[in-house]
Amino acid sequence: MDTSEILERFDEQMRRTNQPDGCIYVGDGWSGVMRAPTDGDVEPLIARMRELPGWVEWKYYSHDGPELRERLIAAGLEPEDEETVVVAEAASIPPPPADVELREDVAAFTELAERVFGRSHGTSFPENAVPVVAYMDGQPVSGGRVDLEPDVEFAGLFGGVTLEEYRGRGLYRATVARRAELAREAGYRWLYVDALPTSRPILERLGFVRLTTTTPFVIPRAAD
């Protein structure tokens, strides 16, 4: 797998913007700076971040270079946990096990996410996303979503969650396999995940490889 070519495609397709500045993506509930300005001046973009509603971050990638990271910190942004961007060919992921009950249920997934994270997608569940939920004993216990954005080769796997008492039973792996199936059926070649250390080993055992790392930089919360 030539990860340098894949990274070039990823940057071109998945770091898209929708603002005239060519740097910011503004969405419903989530917005982010996806690209640094060509002149290197981060201050105007950070000022714009302060004006946007909802969750706002500067989505920094390690291959953007350490100089940008230093400028973001100097400008007052705070880094959150680093995630490893891993990729795999959708066709390489084996099918989900037949003995795990999997459903595509938005309500069950949002309820599960709220139980674990204290929040849910609510009415703003992404338009192009499909949830996959694993059930045991008739109850939703693990899940995740696959984002199927139009006109790209990459399907994103997000929102992986498993109730603590059901971890270690292969349920997250099963939801990944089903989401890979959905991506293949929809014509996507690649899968990608912004993986935390908890999920990265599972994904690597499925054949995912490291592409780069990404770190959300956010505006510090005001002290109480």
C-alpha atoms as a PDB file:
ATOM      1  CA  MET A   1       0.000   0.000   0.000  1.00  0.00           C
ATOM      2  CA  ASP A   2       1.500   3.338  -1.118  1.00  0.00           C
ATOM      3  CA  THR A   3       0.442   5.550   1.778  1.00  0.00           C
ATOM      4  CA  SER A   4       2.025   8.677   0.262  1.00  0.00           C
ATOM      5  CA  GLU A   5      -0.360   8.513  -2.705  1.00  0.00           C
ATOM      6  CA  ILE A   6      -3.305   7.741  -0.421  1.00  0.00           C
ATOM      7  CA  LEU A   7      -2.407  10.702   1.806  1.00  0.00           C
ATOM      8  CA  GLU A   8      -2.377  13.005  -1.209  1.00  0.00           C
ATOM      9  CA  ARG A   9      -5.853  11.769  -2.190  1.00  0.00           C
ATOM     10  CA  PHE A  10      -7.043  12.089   1.396  1.00  0.00           C
ATOM     11  CA  ASP A  11      -5.875  15.702   1.661  1.00  0.00           C
ATOM     12  CA  GLU A  12      -7.525  16.574  -1.627  1.00  0.00           C
ATOM     13  CA  GLN A  13     -10.845  14.874  -0.943  1.00  0.00           C
ATOM     14  CA  MET A  14     -11.388  14.887   2.824  1.00  0.00           C
ATOM     15  CA  ARG A  15     -10.043  18.283   3.810  1.00  0.00           C
ATOM     16  CA  ARG A  16     -12.577  20.194   1.791  1.00  0.00           C
ATOM     17  CA  THR A  17     -13.777  23.647   2.754  1.00  0.00           C
ATOM     18  CA  ASN A  18     -16.976  25.533   2.014  1.00  0.00           C
ATOM     19  CA  GLN A  19     -15.970  29.117   2.823  1.00  0.00           C
ATOM     20  CA  PRO A  20     -14.477  31.761   0.492  1.00  0.00           C
ATOM     21  CA  ASP A  21     -11.219  31.753   2.478  1.00  0.00           C
ATOM     22  CA  GLY A  22     -10.494  28.205   1.291  1.00  0.00           C
ATOM     23  CA  CYS A  23      -9.580  27.192   4.847  1.00  0.00           C
ATOM     24  CA  ILE A  24     -12.764  26.665   6.887  1.00  0.00           C
ATOM     25  CA  TYR A  25     -15.584  24.161   6.727  1.00  0.00           C
ATOM     26  CA  VAL A  26     -18.794  25.325   8.444  1.00  0.00           C
ATOM     27  CA  GLY A  27     -21.346  22.644   9.213  1.00  0.00           C
ATOM     28  CA  ASP A  28     -24.433  22.052  11.336  1.00  0.00           C
ATOM     29  CA  GLY A  29     -23.064  21.763  14.864  1.00  0.00           C
ATOM     30  CA  TRP A  30     -19.440  21.186  13.830  1.00  0.00           C
ATOM     31  CA  SER A  31     -17.024  23.530  12.089  1.00  0.00           C
ATOM     32  CA  GLY A  32     -13.306  23.331  11.566  1.00  0.00           C
ATOM     33  CA  VAL A  33     -10.283  24.945  10.018  1.00  0.00           C
ATOM     34  CA  MET A  34      -9.184  22.291   7.536  1.00  0.00           C
ATOM     35  CA  ARG A  35      -6.257  24.053   5.888  1.00  0.00           C
ATOM     36  CA  ALA A  36      -3.745  26.681   6.924  1.00  0.00           C
ATOM     37  CA  PRO A  37      -3.647  29.990   5.014  1.00  0.00           C
ATOM     38  CA  THR A  38      -0.955  30.296   2.390  1.00  0.00           C
ATOM     39  CA  ASP A  39       0.554  33.339   4.153  1.00  0.00           C
ATOM     40  CA  GLY A  40       0.859  31.443   7.453  1.00  0.00           C
ATOM     41  CA  ASP A  41      -1.157  34.031   9.417  1.00  0.00           C
ATOM     42  CA  VAL A  42      -3.410  32.009  11.737  1.00  0.00           C
ATOM     43  CA  GLU A  43      -4.870  34.908  13.735  1.00  0.00           C
ATOM     44  CA  PRO A  44      -7.720  35.865  11.321  1.00  0.00           C
ATOM     45  CA  LEU A  45      -8.878  32.243  11.193  1.00  0.00           C
ATOM     46  CA  ILE A  46      -8.804  31.928  14.969  1.00  0.00           C
ATOM     47  CA  ALA A  47     -10.865  35.107  15.225  1.00  0.00           C
ATOM     48  CA  ARG A  48     -13.371  33.505  12.845  1.00  0.00           C
ATOM     49  CA  MET A  49     -13.420  30.363  15.002  1.00  0.00           C
ATOM     50  CA  ARG A  50     -14.529  32.480  17.958  1.00  0.00           C
ATOM     51  CA  GLU A  51     -17.549  33.695  15.974  1.00  0.00           C
ATOM     52  CA  LEU A  52     -18.850  30.291  14.886  1.00  0.00           C
ATOM     53  CA  PRO A  53     -21.563  28.440  16.868  1.00  0.00           C
ATOM     54  CA  GLY A  54     -21.365  24.841  17.997  1.00  0.00           C
ATOM     55  CA  TRP A  55     -18.182  22.798  18.273  1.00  0.00           C
ATOM     56  CA  VAL A  56     -15.284  24.496  16.486  1.00  0.00           C
ATOM     57  CA  GLU A  57     -11.730  23.209  16.098  1.00  0.00           C
ATOM     58  CA  TRP A  58      -8.606  23.647  14.029  1.00  0.00           C
ATOM     59  CA  LYS A  59      -8.058  20.166  12.616  1.00  0.00           C
ATOM     60  CA  TYR A  60      -4.287  19.971  12.609  1.00  0.00           C
ATOM     61  CA  TYR A  61      -2.517  17.108  10.835  1.00  0.00           C
ATOM     62  CA  SER A  62       1.068  16.192  11.697  1.00  0.00           C
ATOM     63  CA  HIS A  63       2.150  16.320   8.064  1.00  0.00           C
ATOM     64  CA  ASP A  64       1.185  20.021   8.048  1.00  0.00           C
ATOM     65  CA  GLY A  65       4.490  20.507   9.862  1.00  0.00           C
ATOM     66  CA  PRO A  66       5.623  21.406  13.396  1.00  0.00           C
ATOM     67  CA  GLU A  67       5.796  25.112  12.558  1.00  0.00           C
ATOM     68  CA  LEU A  68       2.015  25.302  12.219  1.00  0.00           C
ATOM     69  CA  ARG A  69       1.537  23.493  15.520  1.00  0.00           C
ATOM     70  CA  GLU A  70       3.810  26.013  17.241  1.00  0.00           C
ATOM     71  CA  ARG A  71       1.882  28.940  15.712  1.00  0.00           C
ATOM     72  CA  LEU A  72      -1.435  27.525  16.944  1.00  0.00           C
ATOM     73  CA  ILE A  73      -0.136  27.131  20.479  1.00  0.00           C
ATOM     74  CA  ALA A  74       1.448  30.604  20.419  1.00  0.00           C
ATOM     75  CA  ALA A  75      -1.900  32.022  19.306  1.00  0.00           C
ATOM     76  CA  GLY A  76      -3.619  30.556  22.360  1.00  0.00           C
ATOM     77  CA  LEU A  77      -5.273  27.405  21.026  1.00  0.00           C
ATOM     78  CA  GLU A  78      -5.115  24.250  23.127  1.00  0.00           C
ATOM     79  CA  PRO A  79      -4.458  20.761  21.713  1.00  0.00           C
ATOM     80  CA  GLU A  80      -6.746  17.917  22.654  1.00  0.00           C
ATOM     81  CA  ASP A  81      -5.913  14.214  22.396  1.00  0.00           C
ATOM     82  CA  GLU A  82      -3.943  13.174  19.309  1.00  0.00           C
ATOM     83  CA  GLU A  83      -5.595  10.607  17.072  1.00  0.00           C
ATOM     84  CA  THR A  84      -3.974   8.364  14.470  1.00  0.00           C
ATOM     85  CA  VAL A  85      -5.559   8.428  11.032  1.00  0.00           C
ATOM     86  CA  VAL A  86      -5.609   4.835   9.803  1.00  0.00           C
ATOM     87  CA  VAL A  87      -6.816   3.566   6.415  1.00  0.00           C
ATOM     88  CA  ALA A  88      -7.731   0.268   4.798  1.00  0.00           C
ATOM     89  CA  GLU A  89      -9.233  -0.890   1.534  1.00  0.00           C
ATOM     90  CA  ALA A  90     -12.918  -1.531   2.114  1.00  0.00           C
ATOM     91  CA  ALA A  91     -12.693  -4.739   0.090  1.00  0.00           C
ATOM     92  CA  SER A  92     -10.044  -6.145   2.458  1.00  0.00           C
ATOM     93  CA  ILE A  93     -12.243  -6.198   5.582  1.00  0.00           C
ATOM     94  CA  PRO A  94     -13.874  -9.589   6.254  1.00  0.00           C
ATOM     95  CA  PRO A  95     -17.655  -9.758   6.687  1.00  0.00           C
ATOM     96  CA  PRO A  96     -19.174  -9.431  10.158  1.00  0.00           C
ATOM     97  CA  PRO A  97     -19.744 -12.588  12.192  1.00  0.00           C
ATOM     98  CA  ALA A  98     -23.137 -14.194  11.713  1.00  0.00           C
ATOM     99  CA  ASP A  99     -23.709 -14.613  15.443  1.00  0.00           C
ATOM    100  CA  VAL A 100     -23.759 -10.855  16.202  1.00  0.00           C
ATOM    101  CA  GLU A 101     -27.071  -9.072  15.718  1.00  0.00           C
ATOM    102  CA  LEU A 102     -26.473  -5.797  13.848  1.00  0.00           C
ATOM    103  CA  ARG A 103     -29.070  -3.161  13.018  1.00  0.00           C
ATOM    104  CA  GLU A 104     -28.991   0.225  11.281  1.00  0.00           C
ATOM    105  CA  ASP A 105     -30.892   2.197  13.891  1.00  0.00           C
ATOM    106  CA  VAL A 106     -30.367   5.938  14.392  1.00  0.00           C
ATOM    107  CA  ALA A 107     -32.430   6.147  17.588  1.00  0.00           C
ATOM    108  CA  ALA A 108     -30.603   3.240  19.236  1.00  0.00           C
ATOM    109  CA  PHE A 109     -27.208   4.621  18.242  1.00  0.00           C
ATOM    110  CA  THR A 110     -27.892   8.134  19.527  1.00  0.00           C
ATOM    111  CA  GLU A 111     -29.264   6.743  22.790  1.00  0.00           C
ATOM    112  CA  LEU A 112     -26.171   4.561  23.186  1.00  0.00           C
ATOM    113  CA  ALA A 113     -23.830   7.497  22.506  1.00  0.00           C
ATOM    114  CA  GLU A 114     -25.687   9.594  25.054  1.00  0.00           C
ATOM    115  CA  ARG A 115     -25.342   6.883  27.698  1.00  0.00           C
ATOM    116  CA  VAL A 116     -21.573   6.684  27.206  1.00  0.00           C
ATOM    117  CA  PHE A 117     -20.598  10.226  26.227  1.00  0.00           C
ATOM    118  CA  GLY A 118     -23.389  12.200  27.884  1.00  0.00           C
ATOM    119  CA  ARG A 119     -24.505  13.615  24.547  1.00  0.00           C
ATOM    120  CA  SER A 120     -26.145  12.465  21.324  1.00  0.00           C
ATOM    121  CA  HIS A 121     -26.436  13.564  17.712  1.00  0.00           C
ATOM    122  CA  GLY A 122     -30.085  14.413  18.282  1.00  0.00           C
ATOM    123  CA  THR A 123     -31.778  15.845  15.230  1.00  0.00           C
ATOM    124  CA  SER A 124     -28.418  16.745  13.667  1.00  0.00           C
ATOM    125  CA  PHE A 125     -27.343  13.165  12.913  1.00  0.00           C
ATOM    126  CA  PRO A 126     -25.234  13.540   9.749  1.00  0.00           C
ATOM    127  CA  GLU A 127     -27.277  13.360   6.583  1.00  0.00           C
ATOM    128  CA  ASN A 128     -24.867  11.043   4.750  1.00  0.00           C
ATOM    129  CA  ALA A 129     -24.127   8.778   7.729  1.00  0.00           C
ATOM    130  CA  VAL A 130     -25.437   5.288   8.495  1.00  0.00           C
ATOM    131  CA  PRO A 131     -25.379   3.943  12.081  1.00  0.00           C
ATOM    132  CA  VAL A 132     -24.622   0.310  12.888  1.00  0.00           C
ATOM    133  CA  VAL A 133     -25.631  -1.016  16.294  1.00  0.00           C
ATOM    134  CA  ALA A 134     -24.761  -4.384  17.855  1.00  0.00           C
ATOM    135  CA  TYR A 135     -27.349  -5.973  20.137  1.00  0.00           C
ATOM    136  CA  MET A 136     -26.978  -8.509  22.926  1.00  0.00           C
ATOM    137  CA  ASP A 137     -29.908  -9.868  24.913  1.00  0.00           C
ATOM    138  CA  GLY A 138     -32.153  -7.585  22.888  1.00  0.00           C
ATOM    139  CA  GLN A 139     -30.308  -4.434  24.009  1.00  0.00           C
ATOM    140  CA  PRO A 140     -28.073  -2.049  21.997  1.00  0.00           C
ATOM    141  CA  VAL A 141     -24.587  -2.353  23.496  1.00  0.00           C
ATOM    142  CA  SER A 142     -22.100  -1.261  20.800  1.00  0.00           C
ATOM    143  CA  GLY A 143     -22.215   0.921  17.727  1.00  0.00           C
ATOM    144  CA  GLY A 144     -20.639   3.318  15.287  1.00  0.00           C
ATOM    145  CA  ARG A 145     -21.481   5.168  12.125  1.00  0.00           C
ATOM    146  CA  VAL A 146     -20.091   5.243   8.606  1.00  0.00           C
ATOM    147  CA  ASP A 147     -20.037   8.586   6.782  1.00  0.00           C
ATOM    148  CA  LEU A 148     -20.680   8.262   3.059  1.00  0.00           C
ATOM    149  CA  GLU A 149     -19.892  11.689   1.679  1.00  0.00           C
ATOM    150  CA  PRO A 150     -20.609  12.171  -2.039  1.00  0.00           C
ATOM    151  CA  ASP A 151     -17.917  12.415  -4.721  1.00  0.00           C
ATOM    152  CA  VAL A 152     -15.035  10.990  -2.646  1.00  0.00           C
ATOM    153  CA  GLU A 153     -13.265   7.627  -2.399  1.00  0.00           C
ATOM    154  CA  PHE A 154     -13.079   7.554   1.418  1.00  0.00           C
ATOM    155  CA  ALA A 155     -15.780   6.439   3.831  1.00  0.00           C
ATOM    156  CA  GLY A 156     -15.186   7.573   7.408  1.00  0.00           C
ATOM    157  CA  LEU A 157     -15.863   5.445  10.476  1.00  0.00           C
ATOM    158  CA  PHE A 158     -16.842   7.541  13.489  1.00  0.00           C
ATOM    159  CA  GLY A 159     -18.561   7.394  16.856  1.00  0.00           C
ATOM    160  CA  GLY A 160     -17.387   3.957  17.949  1.00  0.00           C
ATOM    161  CA  VAL A 161     -18.858   3.159  21.360  1.00  0.00           C
ATOM    162  CA  THR A 162     -19.330   0.026  23.476  1.00  0.00           C
ATOM    163  CA  LEU A 163     -20.815  -0.270  26.935  1.00  0.00           C
ATOM    164  CA  GLU A 164     -18.034  -1.098  29.369  1.00  0.00           C
ATOM    165  CA  GLU A 165     -19.490  -4.394  30.523  1.00  0.00           C
ATOM    166  CA  TYR A 166     -19.659  -5.645  26.906  1.00  0.00           C
ATOM    167  CA  ARG A 167     -16.127  -4.754  25.854  1.00  0.00           C
ATOM    168  CA  GLY A 168     -13.699  -7.449  24.790  1.00  0.00           C
ATOM    169  CA  ARG A 169     -16.358  -9.511  22.990  1.00  0.00           C
ATOM    170  CA  GLY A 170     -15.575  -8.474  19.402  1.00  0.00           C
ATOM    171  CA  LEU A 171     -18.596  -6.198  19.063  1.00  0.00           C
ATOM    172  CA  TYR A 172     -16.685  -3.111  17.922  1.00  0.00           C
ATOM    173  CA  ARG A 173     -14.915  -5.274  15.349  1.00  0.00           C
ATOM    174  CA  ALA A 174     -18.303  -6.540  14.142  1.00  0.00           C
ATOM    175  CA  THR A 175     -19.632  -2.988  13.691  1.00  0.00           C
ATOM    176  CA  VAL A 176     -16.489  -2.060  11.735  1.00  0.00           C
ATOM    177  CA  ALA A 177     -17.001  -5.062   9.453  1.00  0.00           C
ATOM    178  CA  ARG A 178     -20.629  -4.166   8.784  1.00  0.00           C
ATOM    179  CA  ARG A 179     -19.749  -0.533   8.125  1.00  0.00           C
ATOM    180  CA  ALA A 180     -17.079  -1.714   5.678  1.00  0.00           C
ATOM    181  CA  GLU A 181     -19.770  -3.730   3.889  1.00  0.00           C
ATOM    182  CA  LEU A 182     -21.989  -0.669   3.612  1.00  0.00           C
ATOM    183  CA  ALA A 183     -19.091   1.368   2.219  1.00  0.00           C
ATOM    184  CA  ARG A 184     -18.256  -1.320  -0.363  1.00  0.00           C
ATOM    185  CA  GLU A 185     -21.889  -1.565  -1.427  1.00  0.00           C
ATOM    186  CA  ALA A 186     -21.954   2.218  -1.885  1.00  0.00           C
ATOM    187  CA  GLY A 187     -18.828   2.137  -4.093  1.00  0.00           C
ATOM    188  CA  TYR A 188     -16.179   3.461  -1.703  1.00  0.00           C
ATOM    189  CA  ARG A 189     -12.641   2.178  -2.083  1.00  0.00           C
ATOM    190  CA  TRP A 190     -11.090   3.333   1.188  1.00  0.00           C
ATOM    191  CA  LEU A 191     -12.057   3.406   4.859  1.00  0.00           C
ATOM    192  CA  TYR A 192     -10.481   5.804   7.324  1.00  0.00           C
ATOM    193  CA  VAL A 193     -10.690   6.276  11.075  1.00  0.00           C
ATOM    194  CA  ASP A 194      -9.371   8.961  13.431  1.00  0.00           C
ATOM    195  CA  ALA A 195      -8.366   6.305  15.933  1.00  0.00           C
ATOM    196  CA  LEU A 196      -7.694   6.702  19.631  1.00  0.00           C
ATOM    197  CA  PRO A 197      -5.279   4.280  21.359  1.00  0.00           C
ATOM    198  CA  THR A 198      -8.244   2.165  22.513  1.00  0.00           C
ATOM    199  CA  SER A 199      -9.440   1.344  18.989  1.00  0.00           C
ATOM    200  CA  ARG A 200      -6.217   1.493  16.993  1.00  0.00           C
ATOM    201  CA  PRO A 201      -4.976  -2.037  17.900  1.00  0.00           C
ATOM    202  CA  ILE A 202      -8.318  -3.558  16.873  1.00  0.00           C
ATOM    203  CA  LEU A 203      -8.264  -1.706  13.563  1.00  0.00           C
ATOM    204  CA  GLU A 204      -4.658  -2.665  12.854  1.00  0.00           C
ATOM    205  CA  ARG A 205      -5.528  -6.333  13.386  1.00  0.00           C
ATOM    206  CA  LEU A 206      -8.185  -5.862  10.706  1.00  0.00           C
ATOM    207  CA  GLY A 207      -5.563  -4.490   8.292  1.00  0.00           C
ATOM    208  CA  PHE A 208      -5.726  -0.727   8.807  1.00  0.00           C
ATOM    209  CA  VAL A 209      -2.404   1.117   8.488  1.00  0.00           C
ATOM    210  CA  ARG A 210      -1.224   4.484   9.757  1.00  0.00           C
ATOM    211  CA  LEU A 211      -1.608   7.413   7.378  1.00  0.00           C
ATOM    212  CA  THR A 212      -0.896  10.437   9.597  1.00  0.00           C
ATOM    213  CA  THR A 213      -2.016  11.848  12.939  1.00  0.00           C
ATOM    214  CA  THR A 214      -4.555  14.544  13.684  1.00  0.00           C
ATOM    215  CA  THR A 215      -5.053  16.768  16.718  1.00  0.00           C
ATOM    216  CA  PRO A 216      -8.027  19.060  17.407  1.00  0.00           C
ATOM    217  CA  PHE A 217      -6.891  22.502  18.523  1.00  0.00           C
ATOM    218  CA  VAL A 218      -9.637  24.389  20.349  1.00  0.00           C
ATOM    219  CA  ILE A 219     -10.246  27.759  21.919  1.00  0.00           C
ATOM    220  CA  PRO A 220      -9.732  27.427  25.699  1.00  0.00           C
ATOM    221  CA  ARG A 221     -12.876  27.469  27.758  1.00  0.00           C
ATOM    222  CA  ALA A 222     -13.298  30.468  29.998  1.00  0.00           C
ATOM    223  CA  ALA A 223     -12.627  29.747  33.669  1.00  0.00           C
ATOM    224  CA  ASP A 224     -15.661  29.681  35.937  1.00  0.00           C
END
